[in-house]
Amino acid sequence: MDYGKLHFRIVEILNEKGISKNRICKDLDIPRANFNRYCRDQFQRVDSLLVCKLCAYLNISAGELLEYRPAGEDKA
């Protein structure tokens, strides 16, 4: 059964704030390969420390960062 998926709005938020992936990875000491997997929604588990780092750095809530997409409602 398909329960839907979580979508990280990282790319959209970085674009809105004018922050590059390189900059945020460097500032938060996040390996770029790992960060890219979250940007592409290709993660298996959510790292709570990463979510906290991103929320603090971007001054947003977890609800602004993560979005639930029900099955069949994929937005490319």
Protein backbone atom coordinates (compact mmCIF):
# COMPACT_ATOMS: atom_id res chain seq x y z
CA MET A 1 0.00 0.00 0.00
CA ASP A 2 1.25 3.48 -0.86
CA TYR A 3 0.89 5.84 2.11
CA GLY A 4 2.35 8.87 0.35
CA LYS A 5 5.68 10.50 1.15
CA LEU A 6 7.42 13.33 2.93
CA HIS A 7 8.82 16.14 0.83
CA PHE A 8 11.59 18.41 2.07
CA ARG A 9 11.01 21.93 0.75
CA ILE A 10 14.74 22.68 0.99
CA VAL A 11 15.29 23.71 -2.63
CA GLU A 12 12.26 26.02 -2.67
CA ILE A 13 13.27 27.67 0.61
CA LEU A 14 16.90 28.10 -0.41
CA ASN A 15 15.77 29.73 -3.66
CA GLU A 16 13.40 32.06 -1.78
CA LYS A 17 16.18 33.09 0.62
CA GLY A 18 18.95 33.27 -1.98
CA ILE A 19 21.13 30.69 -0.22
CA SER A 20 23.26 28.21 -2.18
CA LYS A 21 23.51 24.53 -1.36
CA ASN A 22 27.26 24.94 -1.02
CA ARG A 23 26.84 27.72 1.54
CA ILE A 24 24.36 25.88 3.76
CA CYS A 25 26.37 22.64 3.63
CA LYS A 26 29.52 24.49 4.62
CA ASP A 27 27.84 26.53 7.36
CA LEU A 28 26.10 23.51 8.90
CA ASP A 29 28.88 20.97 8.24
CA ILE A 30 26.57 18.69 6.24
CA PRO A 31 28.09 16.37 3.61
CA ARG A 32 26.86 17.57 0.22
CA ALA A 33 25.95 14.05 -0.98
CA ASN A 34 23.69 13.51 2.05
CA PHE A 35 22.13 16.95 1.64
CA ASN A 36 21.40 16.29 -2.04
CA ARG A 37 19.51 13.11 -1.13
CA TYR A 38 17.20 15.17 1.09
CA CYS A 39 16.80 17.76 -1.67
CA ARG A 40 15.69 15.00 -4.07
CA ASP A 41 13.45 13.28 -1.47
CA GLN A 42 15.64 10.17 -1.75
CA PHE A 43 16.06 9.50 1.96
CA GLN A 44 15.00 6.47 3.97
CA ARG A 45 14.87 8.06 7.42
CA VAL A 46 14.55 11.62 8.63
CA ASP A 47 17.52 12.86 10.66
CA SER A 48 16.03 14.93 13.50
CA LEU A 49 19.31 16.79 14.10
CA LEU A 50 19.40 17.80 10.43
CA VAL A 51 15.81 19.06 10.65
CA CYS A 52 16.71 21.11 13.75
CA LYS A 53 19.84 22.53 12.07
CA LEU A 54 17.90 23.51 8.96
CA CYS A 55 15.04 25.08 10.92
CA ALA A 56 17.42 27.12 13.09
CA TYR A 57 19.61 28.20 10.15
CA LEU A 58 16.69 29.12 7.89
CA ASN A 59 14.57 30.54 10.75
CA ILE A 60 11.58 28.36 9.84
CA SER A 61 9.40 25.75 11.52
CA ALA A 62 9.53 22.03 10.80
CA GLY A 63 6.08 22.38 9.24
CA GLU A 64 7.47 24.86 6.74
CA LEU A 65 10.37 22.54 5.91
CA LEU A 66 8.48 19.24 5.57
CA GLU A 67 5.37 18.56 3.57
CA TYR A 68 3.27 15.39 3.48
CA ARG A 69 2.20 14.33 -0.01
CA PRO A 70 -0.59 11.74 -0.08
CA ALA A 71 -0.30 8.82 -2.49
CA GLY A 72 -1.05 9.86 -6.06
CA GLU A 73 -0.50 13.56 -5.39
CA ASP A 74 3.14 13.82 -6.45
CA LYS A 75 4.24 17.30 -7.42
CA ALA A 76 7.41 17.22 -9.49
